[in-house]
C-alpha cells in the first residue's frame, strides 16, 4: 500500500461538518490500495464528498515532480467549488 502525504487547505475551514466529511473520506481512501495515491485519491475523495451531501465540492491537486516521486500532494479542497 502506498502512503500518501497530503497537505490540505480546506475552504471553508470552519465548517466542522465539512471538515469531518473530508477527513473521513480521506482516511477511507488512504486505507485502500492505490498505485497512484495523489490525483486518483483526490478524485475518489471528491466523489465521496459529493455523496456525503457536498455536490459542489472540488479538490485541486498541486504537486511537483519531486513530490509525486515522494507520494506527496497539496490539495486545495473547496466545499462550494
N, C-alpha and C. Protein backbone atom coordinates (compact mmCIF):
# COMPACT_ATOMS: atom_id res chain seq x y z
N UNK A 1 0.85 -1.18 0.00
CA UNK A 1 0.00 0.00 0.00
C UNK A 1 0.89 1.24 0.00
N UNK A 2 0.55 2.20 -0.84
CA UNK A 2 1.27 3.45 -0.92
C UNK A 2 0.70 4.42 0.10
N UNK A 3 1.58 5.06 0.86
CA UNK A 3 1.14 6.05 1.82
C UNK A 3 1.22 7.42 1.18
N UNK A 4 0.15 8.16 1.27
CA UNK A 4 0.08 9.49 0.69
C UNK A 4 0.26 10.52 1.78
N UNK A 5 1.11 11.48 1.51
CA UNK A 5 1.30 12.59 2.44
C UNK A 5 0.59 13.80 1.84
N UNK A 6 -0.50 14.20 2.48
CA UNK A 6 -1.33 15.27 1.96
C UNK A 6 -1.23 16.50 2.84
N UNK A 7 -1.08 17.64 2.20
CA UNK A 7 -1.27 18.91 2.88
C UNK A 7 -2.53 19.49 2.26
N UNK A 8 -3.56 19.56 3.05
CA UNK A 8 -4.85 20.01 2.53
C UNK A 8 -5.20 21.38 3.09
N UNK A 9 -5.68 22.23 2.20
CA UNK A 9 -6.21 23.53 2.61
C UNK A 9 -7.70 23.49 2.32
N UNK A 10 -8.50 23.57 3.37
CA UNK A 10 -9.95 23.46 3.22
C UNK A 10 -10.60 24.83 3.28
N UNK A 11 -11.60 25.00 2.43
CA UNK A 11 -12.37 26.23 2.42
C UNK A 11 -13.85 25.88 2.30
N UNK A 12 -14.65 26.24 3.26
CA UNK A 12 -14.31 26.95 4.48
C UNK A 12 -13.75 25.99 5.54
N UNK A 13 -12.71 26.41 6.19
CA UNK A 13 -12.06 25.57 7.19
C UNK A 13 -12.85 25.51 8.50
N UNK A 14 -13.77 26.44 8.69
CA UNK A 14 -14.51 26.47 9.96
C UNK A 14 -15.87 25.78 9.89
N UNK A 15 -16.17 25.11 8.79
CA UNK A 15 -17.39 24.30 8.68
C UNK A 15 -17.04 22.90 9.20
N UNK A 16 -17.33 22.68 10.47
CA UNK A 16 -16.91 21.44 11.12
C UNK A 16 -17.47 20.19 10.45
N UNK A 17 -18.68 20.24 9.97
CA UNK A 17 -19.28 19.08 9.30
C UNK A 17 -18.54 18.77 8.00
N UNK A 18 -18.19 19.80 7.25
CA UNK A 18 -17.45 19.61 6.00
C UNK A 18 -16.05 19.06 6.27
N UNK A 19 -15.38 19.62 7.26
CA UNK A 19 -14.04 19.15 7.62
C UNK A 19 -14.09 17.68 8.03
N UNK A 20 -15.09 17.33 8.82
CA UNK A 20 -15.23 15.94 9.27
C UNK A 20 -15.51 15.02 8.08
N UNK A 21 -16.37 15.44 7.16
CA UNK A 21 -16.67 14.63 5.98
C UNK A 21 -15.41 14.44 5.13
N UNK A 22 -14.62 15.50 4.98
CA UNK A 22 -13.37 15.40 4.22
C UNK A 22 -12.41 14.43 4.89
N UNK A 23 -12.22 14.59 6.20
CA UNK A 23 -11.27 13.73 6.91
C UNK A 23 -11.69 12.27 6.85
N UNK A 24 -12.97 12.01 6.97
CA UNK A 24 -13.46 10.63 6.89
C UNK A 24 -13.21 10.06 5.50
N UNK A 25 -13.55 10.81 4.46
CA UNK A 25 -13.35 10.34 3.09
C UNK A 25 -11.87 10.12 2.81
N UNK A 26 -11.03 11.06 3.23
CA UNK A 26 -9.59 10.93 3.02
C UNK A 26 -9.03 9.70 3.72
N UNK A 27 -9.44 9.49 4.98
CA UNK A 27 -8.95 8.33 5.74
C UNK A 27 -9.37 7.03 5.08
N UNK A 28 -10.61 6.96 4.61
CA UNK A 28 -11.09 5.75 3.94
C UNK A 28 -10.31 5.47 2.66
N UNK A 29 -10.06 6.51 1.88
CA UNK A 29 -9.34 6.34 0.62
C UNK A 29 -7.88 5.99 0.88
N UNK A 30 -7.27 6.56 1.90
CA UNK A 30 -5.88 6.24 2.22
C UNK A 30 -5.70 4.78 2.60
N UNK A 31 -6.74 4.17 3.14
CA UNK A 31 -6.64 2.76 3.55
C UNK A 31 -6.77 1.79 2.38
N UNK A 32 -7.14 2.27 1.21
CA UNK A 32 -7.28 1.40 0.05
C UNK A 32 -5.95 1.26 -0.66
N UNK A 33 -5.78 0.20 -1.39
CA UNK A 33 -4.58 0.02 -2.20
C UNK A 33 -4.72 0.83 -3.47
N UNK A 34 -3.79 1.71 -3.73
CA UNK A 34 -3.82 2.53 -4.92
C UNK A 34 -2.40 2.72 -5.44
N UNK A 35 -2.21 2.51 -6.73
CA UNK A 35 -0.89 2.70 -7.33
C UNK A 35 -0.54 4.18 -7.44
N UNK A 36 -1.54 5.03 -7.69
CA UNK A 36 -1.32 6.47 -7.79
C UNK A 36 -2.22 7.14 -6.76
N UNK A 37 -1.68 7.34 -5.59
CA UNK A 37 -2.49 7.82 -4.49
C UNK A 37 -2.73 9.32 -4.50
N UNK A 38 -2.12 10.08 -5.41
CA UNK A 38 -2.33 11.52 -5.43
C UNK A 38 -3.60 11.93 -6.13
N UNK A 39 -3.57 12.15 -7.44
CA UNK A 39 -4.76 12.59 -8.17
C UNK A 39 -5.89 11.57 -8.13
N UNK A 40 -5.57 10.30 -8.20
CA UNK A 40 -6.60 9.26 -8.16
C UNK A 40 -7.33 9.30 -6.82
N UNK A 41 -6.58 9.45 -5.75
CA UNK A 41 -7.18 9.53 -4.42
C UNK A 41 -8.04 10.78 -4.31
N UNK A 42 -7.58 11.89 -4.87
CA UNK A 42 -8.35 13.13 -4.80
C UNK A 42 -9.69 12.99 -5.51
N UNK A 43 -9.69 12.33 -6.66
CA UNK A 43 -10.94 12.10 -7.39
C UNK A 43 -11.91 11.29 -6.53
N UNK A 44 -11.41 10.28 -5.87
CA UNK A 44 -12.28 9.44 -5.04
C UNK A 44 -12.77 10.19 -3.81
N UNK A 45 -11.90 10.97 -3.18
CA UNK A 45 -12.34 11.77 -2.02
C UNK A 45 -13.40 12.77 -2.47
N UNK A 46 -13.19 13.41 -3.60
CA UNK A 46 -14.17 14.36 -4.12
C UNK A 46 -15.51 13.66 -4.37
N UNK A 47 -15.47 12.47 -4.96
CA UNK A 47 -16.71 11.71 -5.21
C UNK A 47 -17.42 11.41 -3.90
N UNK A 48 -16.66 11.02 -2.91
CA UNK A 48 -17.27 10.71 -1.60
C UNK A 48 -17.85 11.95 -0.93
N UNK A 49 -17.23 13.09 -1.12
CA UNK A 49 -17.80 14.34 -0.60
C UNK A 49 -19.12 14.66 -1.28
N UNK A 50 -19.20 14.41 -2.59
CA UNK A 50 -20.46 14.64 -3.31
C UNK A 50 -21.55 13.74 -2.73
N UNK A 51 -21.24 12.48 -2.51
CA UNK A 51 -22.21 11.53 -1.94
C UNK A 51 -22.61 11.94 -0.53
N UNK A 52 -21.67 12.52 0.21
CA UNK A 52 -21.93 12.92 1.60
C UNK A 52 -22.75 14.20 1.71
N UNK A 53 -23.16 14.76 0.57
CA UNK A 53 -24.02 15.94 0.64
C UNK A 53 -23.35 17.24 0.25
N UNK A 54 -22.17 17.15 -0.36
CA UNK A 54 -21.46 18.34 -0.82
C UNK A 54 -21.26 18.24 -2.34
N UNK A 55 -22.35 18.43 -3.11
CA UNK A 55 -22.29 18.20 -4.55
C UNK A 55 -21.37 19.17 -5.30
N UNK A 56 -21.04 20.29 -4.72
CA UNK A 56 -20.17 21.26 -5.38
C UNK A 56 -18.72 21.19 -4.90
N UNK A 57 -18.42 20.23 -4.03
CA UNK A 57 -17.06 20.11 -3.51
C UNK A 57 -16.09 19.87 -4.65
N UNK A 58 -14.92 20.46 -4.52
CA UNK A 58 -13.91 20.34 -5.56
C UNK A 58 -12.54 20.24 -4.91
N UNK A 59 -11.70 19.36 -5.47
CA UNK A 59 -10.32 19.22 -4.98
C UNK A 59 -9.38 19.46 -6.15
N UNK A 60 -8.50 20.43 -5.99
CA UNK A 60 -7.44 20.67 -6.95
C UNK A 60 -6.14 20.14 -6.35
N UNK A 61 -5.42 19.35 -7.14
CA UNK A 61 -4.17 18.76 -6.68
C UNK A 61 -3.00 19.52 -7.29
N UNK A 62 -2.08 19.92 -6.44
CA UNK A 62 -0.88 20.62 -6.88
C UNK A 62 0.31 19.86 -6.33
N UNK A 63 1.21 19.45 -7.24
CA UNK A 63 2.42 18.80 -6.76
C UNK A 63 3.52 18.85 -7.80
N UNK A 64 4.72 18.96 -7.31
CA UNK A 64 5.90 18.99 -8.18
C UNK A 64 6.31 17.56 -8.52
N UNK A 65 7.25 17.43 -9.41
CA UNK A 65 7.75 16.10 -9.77
C UNK A 65 8.34 15.42 -8.55
N UNK A 66 9.13 16.13 -7.76
CA UNK A 66 9.73 15.51 -6.57
C UNK A 66 8.65 15.09 -5.58
N UNK A 67 7.60 15.90 -5.44
CA UNK A 67 6.50 15.50 -4.56
C UNK A 67 5.81 14.25 -5.09
N UNK A 68 5.62 14.16 -6.38
CA UNK A 68 4.99 12.97 -6.97
C UNK A 68 5.82 11.74 -6.68
N UNK A 69 7.13 11.85 -6.82
CA UNK A 69 8.01 10.72 -6.55
C UNK A 69 7.99 10.32 -5.07
N UNK A 70 7.73 11.30 -4.21
CA UNK A 70 7.66 11.05 -2.76
C UNK A 70 6.23 10.75 -2.30
N UNK A 71 5.29 10.64 -3.25
CA UNK A 71 3.88 10.39 -2.95
C UNK A 71 3.33 11.46 -2.01
N UNK A 72 3.63 12.71 -2.32
CA UNK A 72 3.14 13.84 -1.54
C UNK A 72 2.29 14.73 -2.45
N UNK A 73 1.32 15.41 -1.87
CA UNK A 73 0.45 16.31 -2.64
C UNK A 73 -0.01 17.47 -1.77
N UNK A 74 -0.33 18.55 -2.45
CA UNK A 74 -1.04 19.67 -1.82
C UNK A 74 -2.43 19.66 -2.42
N UNK A 75 -3.45 19.63 -1.57
CA UNK A 75 -4.82 19.64 -2.05
C UNK A 75 -5.49 20.94 -1.63
N UNK A 76 -6.15 21.57 -2.57
CA UNK A 76 -6.99 22.72 -2.30
C UNK A 76 -8.43 22.21 -2.37
N UNK A 77 -9.05 22.09 -1.21
CA UNK A 77 -10.37 21.47 -1.09
C UNK A 77 -11.40 22.56 -0.82
N UNK A 78 -12.36 22.68 -1.73
CA UNK A 78 -13.39 23.72 -1.58
C UNK A 78 -14.77 23.09 -1.52
N UNK A 79 -15.51 23.49 -0.54
CA UNK A 79 -16.87 22.97 -0.36
C UNK A 79 -17.78 23.43 -1.49
N UNK A 80 -17.62 24.67 -1.91
CA UNK A 80 -18.54 25.26 -2.88
C UNK A 80 -17.93 25.46 -4.26
N UNK A 81 -16.97 24.62 -4.60
CA UNK A 81 -16.38 24.66 -5.94
C UNK A 81 -15.40 25.71 -6.16
